[in-house]
Amino acid sequence: QVQLAESGGGLVQAGGSLRLSCAASGSNFRSNAMGWYRQAPGKQRELVARISSGGSTNYADSVKGRFSISTRDNAKNTVYLQMNSLKQEDTAVYYCWTIFSTGLDYWGQGTQVTVSS
């Protein structure tokens, strides 16, 4: 079955960097959109960055210029989120997401990112 496994979260000081990875397995993701969402305590889950089936990217305004989404190859079995210049407000659980052309989507279990002052 489809599985998305995030890794790379942790504790980092403000101004630092982290790279999250998402390992996708159990299907062919070549035609999928992939993305990263986050959810901070008491807040709704929000889009951070997304890469379309065609490879175009879009970002939340709050992370533009600081975060970058990429895939290891066109197979999209590994998706990365490079996070630079981290701020305390980036603290959240980060989730990997994918959606198939049928509209069926899947989520990973999430990885905690904590940015300290």
Protein backbone atom coordinates (compact mmCIF):
# COMPACT_ATOMS: atom_id res chain seq x y z
CA GLN A 1 0.00 0.00 0.00
CA VAL A 2 1.02 3.63 -0.36
CA GLN A 3 3.31 4.82 2.39
CA LEU A 4 4.92 8.19 2.97
CA ALA A 5 7.69 8.30 5.55
CA GLU A 6 9.09 11.64 6.68
CA SER A 7 12.47 12.15 8.28
CA GLY A 8 14.86 14.95 9.10
CA GLY A 9 12.90 16.90 11.67
CA GLY A 10 14.40 18.05 14.92
CA LEU A 11 15.39 20.99 17.06
CA VAL A 12 17.25 23.88 15.46
CA GLN A 13 18.07 27.43 16.47
CA ALA A 14 16.47 30.35 14.71
CA GLY A 15 18.39 31.18 11.56
CA GLY A 16 19.43 27.58 11.08
CA SER A 17 18.57 25.04 8.42
CA LEU A 18 17.00 21.61 8.15
CA ARG A 19 16.26 19.30 5.27
CA LEU A 20 13.21 17.10 5.47
CA SER A 21 12.90 13.97 3.37
CA CYS A 22 9.85 11.99 2.38
CA ALA A 23 10.23 8.44 1.15
CA ALA A 24 7.25 7.39 -0.94
CA SER A 25 6.58 3.72 -1.62
CA GLY A 26 3.89 1.32 -2.73
CA SER A 27 2.91 2.88 -6.03
CA ASN A 28 4.06 4.85 -9.06
CA PHE A 29 4.25 8.52 -8.11
CA ARG A 30 5.58 9.81 -11.42
CA SER A 31 2.29 11.52 -12.31
CA ASN A 32 1.50 12.69 -8.80
CA ALA A 33 1.66 16.04 -7.17
CA MET A 34 3.71 15.92 -3.98
CA GLY A 35 3.90 18.39 -1.18
CA TRP A 36 4.63 19.40 2.35
CA TYR A 37 2.08 20.72 4.82
CA ARG A 38 2.51 21.75 8.43
CA GLN A 39 0.38 22.07 11.51
CA ALA A 40 1.33 24.14 14.52
CA PRO A 41 -0.37 23.63 17.90
CA GLY A 42 -3.86 25.11 17.89
CA LYS A 43 -3.73 25.92 14.19
CA GLN A 44 -5.08 24.35 11.03
CA ARG A 45 -2.88 22.33 8.73
CA GLU A 46 -1.50 24.56 6.00
CA LEU A 47 0.31 24.14 2.72
CA VAL A 48 4.04 24.82 2.86
CA ALA A 49 5.20 23.80 -0.60
CA ARG A 50 3.95 21.70 -3.45
CA ILE A 51 5.36 20.30 -6.67
CA SER A 52 2.93 19.44 -9.43
CA SER A 53 2.90 16.39 -11.64
CA GLY A 54 4.64 18.53 -14.26
CA GLY A 55 7.29 19.78 -11.87
CA SER A 56 6.11 23.30 -11.21
CA THR A 57 6.31 24.48 -7.61
CA ASN A 58 4.38 26.79 -5.36
CA TYR A 59 5.00 27.97 -1.84
CA ALA A 60 3.20 29.58 1.04
CA ASP A 61 4.00 33.29 1.17
CA SER A 62 5.49 32.83 4.63
CA VAL A 63 8.24 30.51 3.34
CA LYS A 64 9.00 31.94 -0.10
CA GLY A 65 12.70 32.58 -0.51
CA ARG A 66 13.56 30.42 2.50
CA PHE A 67 12.20 26.95 1.69
CA SER A 68 12.68 24.85 -1.41
CA ILE A 69 10.89 21.67 -2.48
CA SER A 70 12.54 19.18 -4.78
CA THR A 71 12.49 15.55 -5.80
CA ARG A 72 15.43 13.24 -6.23
CA ASP A 73 14.26 12.26 -9.71
CA ASN A 74 11.17 12.18 -11.92
CA ALA A 75 9.94 9.06 -10.15
CA LYS A 76 9.21 11.25 -7.09
CA ASN A 77 9.95 8.43 -4.68
CA THR A 78 11.89 10.90 -2.56
CA VAL A 79 10.77 14.44 -1.93
CA TYR A 80 12.82 17.00 -0.04
CA LEU A 81 12.05 20.22 1.75
CA GLN A 82 15.10 22.37 2.29
CA MET A 83 14.37 24.88 5.03
CA ASN A 84 16.74 27.81 5.53
CA SER A 85 16.63 30.87 7.75
CA LEU A 86 14.23 29.10 10.07
CA LYS A 87 12.05 31.17 12.37
CA GLN A 88 10.26 30.26 15.57
CA GLU A 89 6.96 30.50 13.70
CA ASP A 90 8.10 27.61 11.50
CA THR A 91 7.73 25.31 14.50
CA ALA A 92 5.17 22.65 13.58
CA VAL A 93 4.64 19.07 12.61
CA TYR A 94 5.49 18.74 8.92
CA TYR A 95 3.56 16.26 6.80
CA CYS A 96 4.37 14.79 3.43
CA TRP A 97 1.41 14.56 1.03
CA THR A 98 0.67 13.14 -2.37
CA ILE A 99 -2.34 13.04 -4.64
CA PHE A 100 -3.08 10.71 -7.53
CA SER A 101 -4.86 11.68 -10.74
CA THR A 102 -7.95 9.90 -9.36
CA GLY A 103 -8.13 12.44 -6.56
CA LEU A 104 -7.07 9.98 -3.89
CA ASP A 105 -4.52 11.48 -1.55
CA TYR A 106 -2.26 10.18 1.19
CA TRP A 107 -0.45 11.65 4.17
CA GLY A 108 2.63 10.70 6.09
CA GLN A 109 2.76 10.47 9.87
CA GLY A 110 4.58 13.76 10.23
CA THR A 111 7.89 14.93 11.62
CA GLN A 112 8.34 17.54 14.32
CA VAL A 113 10.33 20.68 13.59
CA THR A 114 11.08 22.91 16.55
CA VAL A 115 12.85 26.23 16.10
CA SER A 116 14.25 27.77 19.27
CA SER A 117 15.18 31.39 19.87
